Amino acid sequence: MKTGDKSAAGAVREKTPPRSISIVDDDASIREALKSLMRSVQFDAEAFASAEEFLNSERLNNTACLILDVYLPGMSGFELQNRLNIEQRGIPIVFITAHSDDASRQRALKAGAVEFLSKPVRREALFRAIQAAIDPVN
C-alpha cells in the first residue's frame, strides 16, 4: 500500500473497530458540539459533565482519547489526569480550556498530555491532537 493512497487507507480504516473518544466538559453546549463533531468523522464519542461521571462510566476502560477541560466542578481536569496516571490507565489526554496560561500548559504537558488547546478550539488543531493521541507513531 502506498503512503499517499487514500483509497487503501480508507479500506484499512473501515476494517478497524471504532475508536472511542470521551469528552469531559462542564459546558453542555461544548460537550454536545464536540460529541457531534467527533461522530461526524466516524468516532464513537460520549460526553460527560464531570470527571466523576467519566470515572464511574464504562467508558473509562474503552477510551482511546480523552478530550478534557481543565476547570470542572468537583475534580479538576488536572486531578483527573493525575488519577489516571496513578492508576496507569494510559489514556491519552487532549486538554481544552478557556483559561489558558503557560503554567497550566506546562503542567498538563509535563504530566503527559498530548496537547493543551485554548477555547474556542480550531477543528484542525483538535483533529491533529486526536490523531497524535491515537496514533503517536505518525
N, C-alpha and C. Protein backbone atom coordinates (compact mmCIF):
# COMPACT_ATOMS: atom_id res chain seq x y z
N MET A 1 0.83 -1.17 0.00
CA MET A 1 0.00 0.00 0.00
C MET A 1 0.89 1.24 0.00
N LYS A 2 0.60 2.18 -0.87
CA LYS A 2 1.35 3.41 -0.94
C LYS A 2 0.91 4.35 0.17
N THR A 3 1.86 5.15 0.67
CA THR A 3 1.55 6.09 1.74
C THR A 3 0.48 7.08 1.33
N GLY A 4 0.51 7.56 0.13
CA GLY A 4 -0.44 8.56 -0.33
C GLY A 4 -1.73 7.99 -0.89
N ASP A 5 -1.91 6.69 -0.89
CA ASP A 5 -3.08 6.05 -1.46
C ASP A 5 -4.27 6.15 -0.51
N LYS A 6 -5.13 7.12 -0.75
CA LYS A 6 -6.25 7.38 0.15
C LYS A 6 -7.27 6.26 0.13
N SER A 7 -7.49 5.63 -1.03
CA SER A 7 -8.48 4.55 -1.07
C SER A 7 -8.01 3.36 -0.24
N ALA A 8 -6.73 3.05 -0.28
CA ALA A 8 -6.20 1.95 0.52
C ALA A 8 -6.27 2.29 2.01
N ALA A 9 -5.97 3.54 2.36
CA ALA A 9 -6.05 3.96 3.76
C ALA A 9 -7.49 3.89 4.24
N GLY A 10 -8.42 4.25 3.38
CA GLY A 10 -9.84 4.18 3.72
C GLY A 10 -10.27 2.74 3.96
N ALA A 11 -9.76 1.83 3.15
CA ALA A 11 -10.11 0.42 3.32
C ALA A 11 -9.59 -0.10 4.66
N VAL A 12 -8.40 0.31 5.04
CA VAL A 12 -7.84 -0.10 6.33
C VAL A 12 -8.69 0.49 7.45
N ARG A 13 -9.06 1.75 7.35
CA ARG A 13 -9.86 2.41 8.39
C ARG A 13 -11.19 1.69 8.58
N GLU A 14 -11.82 1.23 7.50
CA GLU A 14 -13.11 0.56 7.60
C GLU A 14 -13.00 -0.75 8.37
N LYS A 15 -11.86 -1.40 8.32
CA LYS A 15 -11.69 -2.69 9.00
C LYS A 15 -11.35 -2.52 10.47
N THR A 16 -10.89 -1.35 10.87
CA THR A 16 -10.53 -1.14 12.27
C THR A 16 -11.78 -0.83 13.07
N PRO A 17 -11.85 -1.29 14.32
CA PRO A 17 -13.02 -1.00 15.13
C PRO A 17 -13.11 0.49 15.41
N PRO A 18 -14.30 0.99 15.72
CA PRO A 18 -14.43 2.42 16.00
C PRO A 18 -13.54 2.80 17.17
N ARG A 19 -12.97 3.97 17.09
CA ARG A 19 -12.11 4.45 18.17
C ARG A 19 -12.94 5.36 19.06
N SER A 20 -12.87 5.11 20.33
CA SER A 20 -13.71 5.80 21.29
C SER A 20 -13.07 7.08 21.80
N ILE A 21 -13.82 8.16 21.69
CA ILE A 21 -13.40 9.45 22.21
C ILE A 21 -14.34 9.79 23.37
N SER A 22 -13.78 10.14 24.51
CA SER A 22 -14.57 10.61 25.64
C SER A 22 -14.29 12.09 25.83
N ILE A 23 -15.34 12.83 26.14
CA ILE A 23 -15.26 14.28 26.31
C ILE A 23 -15.73 14.60 27.72
N VAL A 24 -14.93 15.35 28.47
CA VAL A 24 -15.34 15.78 29.80
C VAL A 24 -15.26 17.30 29.84
N ASP A 25 -16.44 17.92 29.91
CA ASP A 25 -16.53 19.39 29.96
C ASP A 25 -17.83 19.75 30.67
N ASP A 26 -17.78 20.73 31.54
CA ASP A 26 -18.98 21.10 32.29
C ASP A 26 -19.94 21.97 31.49
N ASP A 27 -19.53 22.47 30.35
CA ASP A 27 -20.38 23.30 29.49
C ASP A 27 -21.14 22.38 28.53
N ALA A 28 -22.46 22.30 28.71
CA ALA A 28 -23.28 21.39 27.91
C ALA A 28 -23.18 21.67 26.42
N SER A 29 -23.11 22.93 26.02
CA SER A 29 -23.05 23.25 24.59
C SER A 29 -21.73 22.78 23.98
N ILE A 30 -20.65 22.90 24.71
CA ILE A 30 -19.35 22.43 24.22
C ILE A 30 -19.34 20.91 24.16
N ARG A 31 -19.86 20.27 25.20
CA ARG A 31 -19.93 18.80 25.20
C ARG A 31 -20.67 18.28 23.98
N GLU A 32 -21.83 18.83 23.73
CA GLU A 32 -22.65 18.35 22.62
C GLU A 32 -22.03 18.68 21.27
N ALA A 33 -21.43 19.87 21.15
CA ALA A 33 -20.78 20.25 19.89
C ALA A 33 -19.60 19.33 19.59
N LEU A 34 -18.78 19.05 20.59
CA LEU A 34 -17.64 18.16 20.39
C LEU A 34 -18.09 16.73 20.10
N LYS A 35 -19.10 16.27 20.81
CA LYS A 35 -19.62 14.92 20.57
C LYS A 35 -20.15 14.80 19.15
N SER A 36 -20.89 15.79 18.70
CA SER A 36 -21.42 15.80 17.34
C SER A 36 -20.29 15.85 16.31
N LEU A 37 -19.30 16.68 16.56
CA LEU A 37 -18.15 16.79 15.65
C LEU A 37 -17.41 15.46 15.55
N MET A 38 -17.16 14.82 16.68
CA MET A 38 -16.45 13.53 16.67
C MET A 38 -17.25 12.47 15.91
N ARG A 39 -18.54 12.44 16.13
CA ARG A 39 -19.37 11.45 15.45
C ARG A 39 -19.46 11.73 13.95
N SER A 40 -19.37 13.01 13.57
CA SER A 40 -19.44 13.36 12.14
C SER A 40 -18.25 12.82 11.36
N VAL A 41 -17.15 12.52 12.06
CA VAL A 41 -15.98 11.96 11.40
C VAL A 41 -15.75 10.50 11.84
N GLN A 42 -16.86 9.86 12.20
CA GLN A 42 -16.90 8.42 12.46
C GLN A 42 -16.19 7.96 13.73
N PHE A 43 -16.01 8.83 14.70
CA PHE A 43 -15.52 8.38 16.00
C PHE A 43 -16.72 7.98 16.85
N ASP A 44 -16.52 7.02 17.72
CA ASP A 44 -17.50 6.65 18.73
C ASP A 44 -17.26 7.62 19.88
N ALA A 45 -18.18 8.56 20.10
CA ALA A 45 -17.96 9.61 21.09
C ALA A 45 -19.03 9.61 22.17
N GLU A 46 -18.58 9.90 23.40
CA GLU A 46 -19.50 10.05 24.51
C GLU A 46 -19.01 11.23 25.35
N ALA A 47 -19.96 11.96 25.95
CA ALA A 47 -19.62 13.16 26.69
C ALA A 47 -20.10 13.07 28.13
N PHE A 48 -19.32 13.70 29.01
CA PHE A 48 -19.60 13.67 30.45
C PHE A 48 -19.47 15.08 31.02
N ALA A 49 -20.31 15.39 32.00
CA ALA A 49 -20.33 16.73 32.61
C ALA A 49 -19.29 16.91 33.70
N SER A 50 -18.71 15.79 34.17
CA SER A 50 -17.73 15.90 35.26
C SER A 50 -16.74 14.75 35.18
N ALA A 51 -15.63 14.94 35.86
CA ALA A 51 -14.61 13.89 35.94
C ALA A 51 -15.17 12.67 36.65
N GLU A 52 -15.94 12.91 37.69
CA GLU A 52 -16.52 11.80 38.45
C GLU A 52 -17.48 10.97 37.59
N GLU A 53 -18.27 11.65 36.76
CA GLU A 53 -19.19 10.95 35.87
C GLU A 53 -18.41 10.05 34.91
N PHE A 54 -17.31 10.56 34.37
CA PHE A 54 -16.46 9.76 33.48
C PHE A 54 -15.86 8.57 34.22
N LEU A 55 -15.32 8.82 35.42
CA LEU A 55 -14.69 7.75 36.19
C LEU A 55 -15.67 6.63 36.55
N ASN A 56 -16.93 6.97 36.72
CA ASN A 56 -17.94 5.98 37.09
C ASN A 56 -18.61 5.33 35.88
N SER A 57 -18.15 5.64 34.70
CA SER A 57 -18.76 5.10 33.49
C SER A 57 -17.99 3.89 32.96
N GLU A 58 -18.63 3.15 32.07
CA GLU A 58 -17.97 2.03 31.42
C GLU A 58 -16.94 2.51 30.40
N ARG A 59 -17.03 3.78 30.01
CA ARG A 59 -16.09 4.34 29.02
C ARG A 59 -14.67 4.43 29.57
N LEU A 60 -14.52 4.41 30.85
CA LEU A 60 -13.19 4.51 31.46
C LEU A 60 -12.25 3.45 30.89
N ASN A 61 -12.78 2.28 30.64
CA ASN A 61 -11.94 1.19 30.12
C ASN A 61 -11.98 1.07 28.61
N ASN A 62 -12.65 2.00 27.94
CA ASN A 62 -12.79 1.92 26.49
C ASN A 62 -12.63 3.29 25.85
N THR A 63 -11.61 4.02 26.25
CA THR A 63 -11.38 5.35 25.71
C THR A 63 -10.01 5.41 25.05
N ALA A 64 -10.01 5.72 23.76
CA ALA A 64 -8.75 5.84 23.02
C ALA A 64 -8.14 7.22 23.18
N CYS A 65 -9.00 8.23 23.45
CA CYS A 65 -8.53 9.60 23.65
C CYS A 65 -9.55 10.33 24.50
N LEU A 66 -9.06 11.11 25.45
CA LEU A 66 -9.91 11.89 26.33
C LEU A 66 -9.71 13.37 26.03
N ILE A 67 -10.81 14.04 25.66
CA ILE A 67 -10.79 15.50 25.49
C ILE A 67 -11.28 16.05 26.82
N LEU A 68 -10.44 16.82 27.50
CA LEU A 68 -10.68 17.16 28.90
C LEU A 68 -10.52 18.65 29.16
N ASP A 69 -11.56 19.23 29.78
CA ASP A 69 -11.49 20.62 30.21
C ASP A 69 -10.63 20.68 31.47
N VAL A 70 -9.99 21.80 31.70
CA VAL A 70 -9.15 21.96 32.88
C VAL A 70 -9.99 22.23 34.12
N TYR A 71 -10.87 23.22 34.02
CA TYR A 71 -11.66 23.66 35.17
C TYR A 71 -13.04 23.03 35.13
N LEU A 72 -13.27 22.15 36.11
CA LEU A 72 -14.52 21.42 36.23
C LEU A 72 -15.01 21.52 37.67
N PRO A 73 -16.32 21.41 37.87
CA PRO A 73 -16.80 21.35 39.26
C PRO A 73 -16.36 20.03 39.88
N GLY A 74 -16.06 20.04 41.15
CA GLY A 74 -15.56 18.82 41.79
C GLY A 74 -14.11 18.59 41.39
N MET A 75 -13.83 17.40 40.89
CA MET A 75 -12.47 17.05 40.47
C MET A 75 -12.09 17.82 39.21
N SER A 76 -10.95 18.50 39.24
CA SER A 76 -10.50 19.27 38.07
C SER A 76 -9.91 18.34 37.02
N GLY A 77 -9.69 18.90 35.85
CA GLY A 77 -9.05 18.13 34.78
C GLY A 77 -7.65 17.67 35.18
N PHE A 78 -6.91 18.53 35.89
CA PHE A 78 -5.58 18.15 36.35
C PHE A 78 -5.65 17.00 37.35
N GLU A 79 -6.64 17.05 38.25
CA GLU A 79 -6.79 15.98 39.23
C GLU A 79 -7.17 14.66 38.55
N LEU A 80 -8.03 14.74 37.53
CA LEU A 80 -8.38 13.54 36.77
C LEU A 80 -7.15 12.98 36.06
N GLN A 81 -6.37 13.86 35.43
CA GLN A 81 -5.15 13.42 34.77
C GLN A 81 -4.23 12.71 35.77
N ASN A 82 -4.06 13.29 36.94
CA ASN A 82 -3.20 12.70 37.96
C ASN A 82 -3.72 11.32 38.38
N ARG A 83 -5.01 11.22 38.58
CA ARG A 83 -5.58 9.93 38.98
C ARG A 83 -5.38 8.88 37.89
N LEU A 84 -5.63 9.24 36.65
CA LEU A 84 -5.43 8.29 35.55
C LEU A 84 -3.97 7.86 35.46
N ASN A 85 -3.05 8.81 35.71
CA ASN A 85 -1.62 8.47 35.70
C ASN A 85 -1.27 7.51 36.84
N ILE A 86 -1.80 7.78 38.03
CA ILE A 86 -1.53 6.91 39.18
C ILE A 86 -2.04 5.50 38.92
N GLU A 87 -3.23 5.43 38.31
CA GLU A 87 -3.83 4.12 38.01
C GLU A 87 -3.26 3.49 36.75
N GLN A 88 -2.32 4.19 36.12
CA GLN A 88 -1.65 3.72 34.90
C GLN A 88 -2.65 3.30 33.83
N ARG A 89 -3.64 4.16 33.60
CA ARG A 89 -4.68 3.89 32.61
C ARG A 89 -4.18 4.03 31.18
N GLY A 90 -3.19 4.90 30.97
CA GLY A 90 -2.64 5.06 29.63
C GLY A 90 -3.60 5.72 28.64
N ILE A 91 -4.52 6.52 29.13
CA ILE A 91 -5.47 7.20 28.23
C ILE A 91 -4.84 8.52 27.80
N PRO A 92 -4.60 8.70 26.50
CA PRO A 92 -4.06 9.97 26.02
C PRO A 92 -5.07 11.10 26.24
N ILE A 93 -4.55 12.24 26.70
CA ILE A 93 -5.42 13.38 27.03
C ILE A 93 -5.09 14.58 26.15
N VAL A 94 -6.15 15.18 25.61
CA VAL A 94 -6.07 16.47 24.93
C VAL A 94 -6.85 17.44 25.80
N PHE A 95 -6.14 18.38 26.43
CA PHE A 95 -6.80 19.38 27.25
C PHE A 95 -7.36 20.49 26.39
N ILE A 96 -8.52 21.00 26.80
CA ILE A 96 -9.08 22.21 26.19
C ILE A 96 -9.49 23.13 27.34
N THR A 97 -9.26 24.43 27.18
CA THR A 97 -9.58 25.35 28.25
C THR A 97 -9.84 26.75 27.72
N ALA A 98 -10.69 27.46 28.44
CA ALA A 98 -10.94 28.87 28.13
C ALA A 98 -9.98 29.76 28.91
N HIS A 99 -9.24 29.15 29.85
CA HIS A 99 -8.34 29.90 30.73
C HIS A 99 -6.92 29.39 30.57
N SER A 100 -6.35 29.63 29.40
CA SER A 100 -5.03 29.11 29.10
C SER A 100 -3.94 30.05 29.62
N ASP A 101 -2.94 29.44 30.24
CA ASP A 101 -1.75 30.18 30.64
C ASP A 101 -0.56 29.23 30.55
N ASP A 102 0.63 29.80 30.49
CA ASP A 102 1.83 28.98 30.30
C ASP A 102 2.04 27.96 31.41
N ALA A 103 1.77 28.34 32.66
CA ALA A 103 1.98 27.42 33.78
C ALA A 103 1.06 26.21 33.67
N SER A 104 -0.21 26.44 33.33
CA SER A 104 -1.16 25.32 33.18
C SER A 104 -0.77 24.44 32.01
N ARG A 105 -0.38 25.07 30.92
CA ARG A 105 0.04 24.31 29.74
C ARG A 105 1.23 23.41 30.07
N GLN A 106 2.23 23.97 30.73
CA GLN A 106 3.41 23.20 31.09
C GLN A 106 3.08 22.07 32.05
N ARG A 107 2.21 22.36 33.01
CA ARG A 107 1.79 21.34 33.98
C ARG A 107 1.14 20.15 33.26
N ALA A 108 0.21 20.45 32.36
CA ALA A 108 -0.51 19.39 31.64
C ALA A 108 0.43 18.56 30.77
N LEU A 109 1.29 19.24 30.01
CA LEU A 109 2.20 18.54 29.11
C LEU A 109 3.25 17.75 29.88
N LYS A 110 3.75 18.31 30.99
CA LYS A 110 4.74 17.60 31.80
C LYS A 110 4.16 16.31 32.39
N ALA A 111 2.86 16.34 32.67
CA ALA A 111 2.19 15.15 33.23
C ALA A 111 1.74 14.19 32.14
N GLY A 112 2.07 14.50 30.87
CA GLY A 112 1.83 13.54 29.80
C GLY A 112 0.72 13.86 28.82
N ALA A 113 0.08 15.02 28.94
CA ALA A 113 -0.97 15.37 27.98
C ALA A 113 -0.38 15.44 26.57
N VAL A 114 -1.17 15.07 25.60
CA VAL A 114 -0.75 15.12 24.20
C VAL A 114 -0.74 16.56 23.70
N GLU A 115 -1.74 17.33 24.14
CA GLU A 115 -1.87 18.72 23.68
C GLU A 115 -2.66 19.51 24.69
N PHE A 116 -2.52 20.83 24.63
CA PHE A 116 -3.21 21.76 25.52
C PHE A 116 -3.71 22.89 24.63
N LEU A 117 -5.01 22.87 24.33
CA LEU A 117 -5.60 23.81 23.37
C LEU A 117 -6.49 24.83 24.06
N SER A 118 -6.52 26.04 23.51
CA SER A 118 -7.37 27.10 24.04
C SER A 118 -8.72 27.11 23.33
N LYS A 119 -9.77 27.37 24.10
CA LYS A 119 -11.11 27.55 23.53
C LYS A 119 -11.22 28.96 23.00
N PRO A 120 -11.90 29.20 21.92
CA PRO A 120 -12.52 28.19 21.08
C PRO A 120 -11.46 27.38 20.33
N VAL A 121 -11.67 26.09 20.29
CA VAL A 121 -10.71 25.17 19.69
C VAL A 121 -10.93 25.11 18.18
N ARG A 122 -9.85 25.24 17.44
CA ARG A 122 -9.93 25.09 15.99
C ARG A 122 -10.01 23.61 15.65
N ARG A 123 -10.93 23.27 14.76
CA ARG A 123 -11.13 21.87 14.36
C ARG A 123 -9.84 21.20 13.94
N GLU A 124 -9.07 21.88 13.09
CA GLU A 124 -7.85 21.29 12.56
C GLU A 124 -6.87 20.95 13.68
N ALA A 125 -6.73 21.86 14.63
CA ALA A 125 -5.82 21.63 15.75
C ALA A 125 -6.30 20.48 16.61
N LEU A 126 -7.60 20.41 16.82
CA LEU A 126 -8.17 19.32 17.62
C LEU A 126 -7.97 17.98 16.92
N PHE A 127 -8.24 17.92 15.63
CA PHE A 127 -8.07 16.66 14.90
C PHE A 127 -6.60 16.23 14.86
N ARG A 128 -5.68 17.18 14.72
CA ARG A 128 -4.25 16.84 14.76
C ARG A 128 -3.87 16.25 16.13
N ALA A 129 -4.40 16.86 17.18
CA ALA A 129 -4.10 16.39 18.53
C ALA A 129 -4.67 14.99 18.76
N ILE A 130 -5.89 14.76 18.31
CA ILE A 130 -6.51 13.44 18.47
C ILE A 130 -5.72 12.39 17.67
N GLN A 131 -5.33 12.74 16.47
CA GLN A 131 -4.53 11.81 15.66
C GLN A 131 -3.21 11.48 16.36
N ALA A 132 -2.57 12.48 16.93
CA ALA A 132 -1.33 12.25 17.66
C ALA A 132 -1.56 11.38 18.90
N ALA A 133 -2.72 11.53 19.52
CA ALA A 133 -3.05 10.74 20.71
C ALA A 133 -3.31 9.29 20.35
N ILE A 134 -4.05 9.07 19.28
CA ILE A 134 -4.46 7.72 18.91
C ILE A 134 -3.35 6.98 18.16
N ASP A 135 -2.59 7.69 17.37
CA ASP A 135 -1.55 7.07 16.56
C ASP A 135 -0.26 7.87 16.72
N PRO A 136 0.40 7.77 17.89
CA PRO A 136 1.57 8.61 18.17
C PRO A 136 2.77 8.36 17.27
N VAL A 137 2.79 7.25 16.54
CA VAL A 137 3.93 6.93 15.67
C VAL A 137 3.94 7.86 14.46
N ASN A 138 2.76 8.21 13.94
CA ASN A 138 2.68 9.05 12.73
C ASN A 138 2.61 10.47 13.07
